[in-house]
Amino acid sequence: MRREGTIVRYTAEELDEMMRRGEDKTDVDALRAMTDEQVEASIDLEDEGSPDWSTLSAELPGASESITILYDSEVLEWFRAKGSGYKTLMNEVLRSYVEEQSKKTA
C-alpha cells in the first residue's frame, strides 16, 4: 500500500489478497449484472458531482524537459503542502493555463 495524501494505492496482488480475505466491500456480481443505465442512475451526482468532460484529454503527454526555474516562496510552499507529486501538480496547473490561453487566441 502506498499513500499519497488521501489517495491510497494498492498493487494487484494486494487487492487479490484483500478480496481473498473478504475485505472488499464491492458486490462485484451485482455490479456486473447492472446495465449501463442502472449504473448511471446509481451515481449520486449531488454528492459525487458531475464529471467535467471538457478537461478530458486522450493525448499522451509530450516529453518532459528539465530546467531550472524560480518561483515565489509562497507559491512553492503552497504546492509543497499538497504532498508528494507537487511538481506534477504544478505542471498540470501550468498546462491547464496554457490550454485556456490557447483557446482565447484560436
C-alpha atoms as a PDB file:
ATOM      1  CA  MET A   1       0.000   0.000   0.000  1.00  0.00           C
ATOM      2  CA  ARG A   2       1.200   3.454  -0.891  1.00  0.00           C
ATOM      3  CA  ARG A   3      -0.468   6.600   0.449  1.00  0.00           C
ATOM      4  CA  GLU A   4      -0.421   9.948  -1.358  1.00  0.00           C
ATOM      5  CA  GLY A   5      -2.475  12.411   0.663  1.00  0.00           C
ATOM      6  CA  THR A   6      -5.975  10.962   0.816  1.00  0.00           C
ATOM      7  CA  ILE A   7      -5.347   8.567  -2.080  1.00  0.00           C
ATOM      8  CA  VAL A   8      -4.324   5.011  -1.234  1.00  0.00           C
ATOM      9  CA  ARG A   9      -2.845   2.825  -3.957  1.00  0.00           C
ATOM     10  CA  TYR A  10      -2.683  -0.967  -3.819  1.00  0.00           C
ATOM     11  CA  THR A  11      -0.878  -3.402  -6.079  1.00  0.00           C
ATOM     12  CA  ALA A  12      -2.919  -6.017  -7.923  1.00  0.00           C
ATOM     13  CA  GLU A  13      -1.505  -8.647  -5.583  1.00  0.00           C
ATOM     14  CA  GLU A  14      -2.579  -6.672  -2.506  1.00  0.00           C
ATOM     15  CA  LEU A  15      -6.093  -6.298  -3.913  1.00  0.00           C
ATOM     16  CA  ASP A  16      -6.296 -10.013  -4.735  1.00  0.00           C
ATOM     17  CA  GLU A  17      -5.236 -10.862  -1.178  1.00  0.00           C
ATOM     18  CA  MET A  18      -7.776  -8.430   0.302  1.00  0.00           C
ATOM     19  CA  MET A  19     -10.545  -9.996  -1.794  1.00  0.00           C
ATOM     20  CA  ARG A  20      -9.424 -13.480  -0.770  1.00  0.00           C
ATOM     21  CA  ARG A  21      -9.751 -12.443   2.878  1.00  0.00           C
ATOM     22  CA  GLY A  22     -13.194 -10.954   2.173  1.00  0.00           C
ATOM     23  CA  GLU A  23     -12.070  -7.385   2.933  1.00  0.00           C
ATOM     24  CA  ASP A  24     -13.537  -5.788  -0.187  1.00  0.00           C
ATOM     25  CA  LYS A  25     -16.893  -4.059   0.141  1.00  0.00           C
ATOM     26  CA  THR A  26     -17.910  -4.173  -3.513  1.00  0.00           C
ATOM     27  CA  ASP A  27     -20.566  -6.604  -4.660  1.00  0.00           C
ATOM     28  CA  VAL A  28     -18.872  -7.272  -7.990  1.00  0.00           C
ATOM     29  CA  ASP A  29     -21.504  -9.762  -9.161  1.00  0.00           C
ATOM     30  CA  ALA A  30     -24.323  -7.261  -8.560  1.00  0.00           C
ATOM     31  CA  LEU A  31     -22.344  -4.545 -10.327  1.00  0.00           C
ATOM     32  CA  ARG A  32     -21.681  -6.759 -13.347  1.00  0.00           C
ATOM     33  CA  ALA A  33     -25.404  -7.577 -13.565  1.00  0.00           C
ATOM     34  CA  MET A  34     -26.330  -3.889 -13.838  1.00  0.00           C
ATOM     35  CA  THR A  35     -26.967  -2.213 -17.178  1.00  0.00           C
ATOM     36  CA  ASP A  36     -25.130   0.976 -18.087  1.00  0.00           C
ATOM     37  CA  GLU A  37     -28.352   2.885 -17.438  1.00  0.00           C
ATOM     38  CA  GLN A  38     -28.659   1.379 -13.941  1.00  0.00           C
ATOM     39  CA  VAL A  39     -25.056   2.263 -13.146  1.00  0.00           C
ATOM     40  CA  GLU A  40     -25.609   5.853 -14.337  1.00  0.00           C
ATOM     41  CA  ALA A  41     -28.803   6.112 -12.273  1.00  0.00           C
ATOM     42  CA  SER A  42     -26.995   4.848  -9.159  1.00  0.00           C
ATOM     43  CA  ILE A  43     -24.487   7.710  -9.162  1.00  0.00           C
ATOM     44  CA  ASP A  44     -25.375  10.417  -6.662  1.00  0.00           C
ATOM     45  CA  LEU A  45     -24.413  13.449  -8.735  1.00  0.00           C
ATOM     46  CA  GLU A  46     -25.213  15.814  -5.879  1.00  0.00           C
ATOM     47  CA  ASP A  47     -22.681  14.028  -3.680  1.00  0.00           C
ATOM     48  CA  GLU A  48     -20.243  12.926  -6.393  1.00  0.00           C
ATOM     49  CA  GLY A  49     -20.517  15.944  -8.667  1.00  0.00           C
ATOM     50  CA  SER A  50     -20.916  15.843 -12.424  1.00  0.00           C
ATOM     51  CA  PRO A  51     -17.894  14.863 -14.485  1.00  0.00           C
ATOM     52  CA  ASP A  52     -16.223  17.743 -16.299  1.00  0.00           C
ATOM     53  CA  TRP A  53     -15.741  16.240 -19.736  1.00  0.00           C
ATOM     54  CA  SER A  54     -14.283  19.484 -21.071  1.00  0.00           C
ATOM     55  CA  THR A  55     -10.987  18.692 -19.361  1.00  0.00           C
ATOM     56  CA  LEU A  56     -10.764  15.159 -20.791  1.00  0.00           C
ATOM     57  CA  SER A  57      -7.706  14.564 -22.926  1.00  0.00           C
ATOM     58  CA  ALA A  58      -6.864  11.372 -24.756  1.00  0.00           C
ATOM     59  CA  GLU A  59      -3.473  12.654 -25.788  1.00  0.00           C
ATOM     60  CA  LEU A  60      -0.283  11.216 -24.423  1.00  0.00           C
ATOM     61  CA  PRO A  61       1.863  13.795 -22.689  1.00  0.00           C
ATOM     62  CA  GLY A  62       4.886  15.060 -24.572  1.00  0.00           C
ATOM     63  CA  ALA A  63       8.425  14.550 -23.432  1.00  0.00           C
ATOM     64  CA  SER A  64       9.401  16.297 -20.213  1.00  0.00           C
ATOM     65  CA  GLU A  65      12.262  18.728 -20.098  1.00  0.00           C
ATOM     66  CA  SER A  66      14.368  19.518 -17.066  1.00  0.00           C
ATOM     67  CA  ILE A  67      15.032  23.214 -16.395  1.00  0.00           C
ATOM     68  CA  THR A  68      15.895  25.481 -13.505  1.00  0.00           C
ATOM     69  CA  ILE A  69      13.110  27.895 -12.599  1.00  0.00           C
ATOM     70  CA  LEU A  70      12.457  30.351  -9.786  1.00  0.00           C
ATOM     71  CA  TYR A  71       9.088  30.527  -8.008  1.00  0.00           C
ATOM     72  CA  ASP A  72       7.809  32.848  -5.298  1.00  0.00           C
ATOM     73  CA  SER A  73       8.357  31.131  -1.955  1.00  0.00           C
ATOM     74  CA  GLU A  74       4.629  31.375  -1.109  1.00  0.00           C
ATOM     75  CA  VAL A  75       3.696  29.620  -4.346  1.00  0.00           C
ATOM     76  CA  LEU A  76       6.236  26.868  -3.785  1.00  0.00           C
ATOM     77  CA  GLU A  77       5.143  26.380  -0.156  1.00  0.00           C
ATOM     78  CA  TRP A  78       1.509  26.044  -1.238  1.00  0.00           C
ATOM     79  CA  PHE A  79       2.298  23.334  -3.790  1.00  0.00           C
ATOM     80  CA  ARG A  80       4.704  21.514  -1.463  1.00  0.00           C
ATOM     81  CA  ALA A  81       1.959  21.399   1.179  1.00  0.00           C
ATOM     82  CA  LYS A  82      -0.047  19.263  -1.255  1.00  0.00           C
ATOM     83  CA  GLY A  83       2.443  16.435  -0.653  1.00  0.00           C
ATOM     84  CA  SER A  84       4.397  14.194  -2.937  1.00  0.00           C
ATOM     85  CA  GLY A  85       3.643  14.788  -6.584  1.00  0.00           C
ATOM     86  CA  TYR A  86       3.520  18.548  -6.120  1.00  0.00           C
ATOM     87  CA  LYS A  87       5.777  19.074  -9.145  1.00  0.00           C
ATOM     88  CA  THR A  88       3.368  17.096 -11.308  1.00  0.00           C
ATOM     89  CA  LEU A  89       0.521  19.183  -9.916  1.00  0.00           C
ATOM     90  CA  MET A  90       2.423  22.372 -10.789  1.00  0.00           C
ATOM     91  CA  ASN A  91       2.853  21.094 -14.341  1.00  0.00           C
ATOM     92  CA  GLU A  92      -0.867  20.251 -14.592  1.00  0.00           C
ATOM     93  CA  VAL A  93      -1.835  23.733 -13.402  1.00  0.00           C
ATOM     94  CA  LEU A  94       0.501  25.343 -15.930  1.00  0.00           C
ATOM     95  CA  ARG A  95      -0.754  23.039 -18.707  1.00  0.00           C
ATOM     96  CA  SER A  96      -4.354  23.977 -17.883  1.00  0.00           C
ATOM     97  CA  TYR A  97      -3.453  27.669 -18.055  1.00  0.00           C
ATOM     98  CA  VAL A  98      -1.712  27.232 -21.407  1.00  0.00           C
ATOM     99  CA  GLU A  99      -4.696  25.341 -22.832  1.00  0.00           C
ATOM    100  CA  GLU A 100      -7.130  28.049 -21.712  1.00  0.00           C
ATOM    101  CA  GLN A 101      -4.942  30.817 -23.121  1.00  0.00           C
ATOM    102  CA  SER A 102      -4.597  28.909 -26.393  1.00  0.00           C
ATOM    103  CA  LYS A 103      -8.396  28.760 -26.709  1.00  0.00           C
ATOM    104  CA  LYS A 104      -8.596  32.536 -26.366  1.00  0.00           C
ATOM    105  CA  THR A 105      -6.124  33.142 -29.185  1.00  0.00           C
ATOM    106  CA  ALA A 106      -7.522  30.473 -31.518  1.00  0.00           C
END
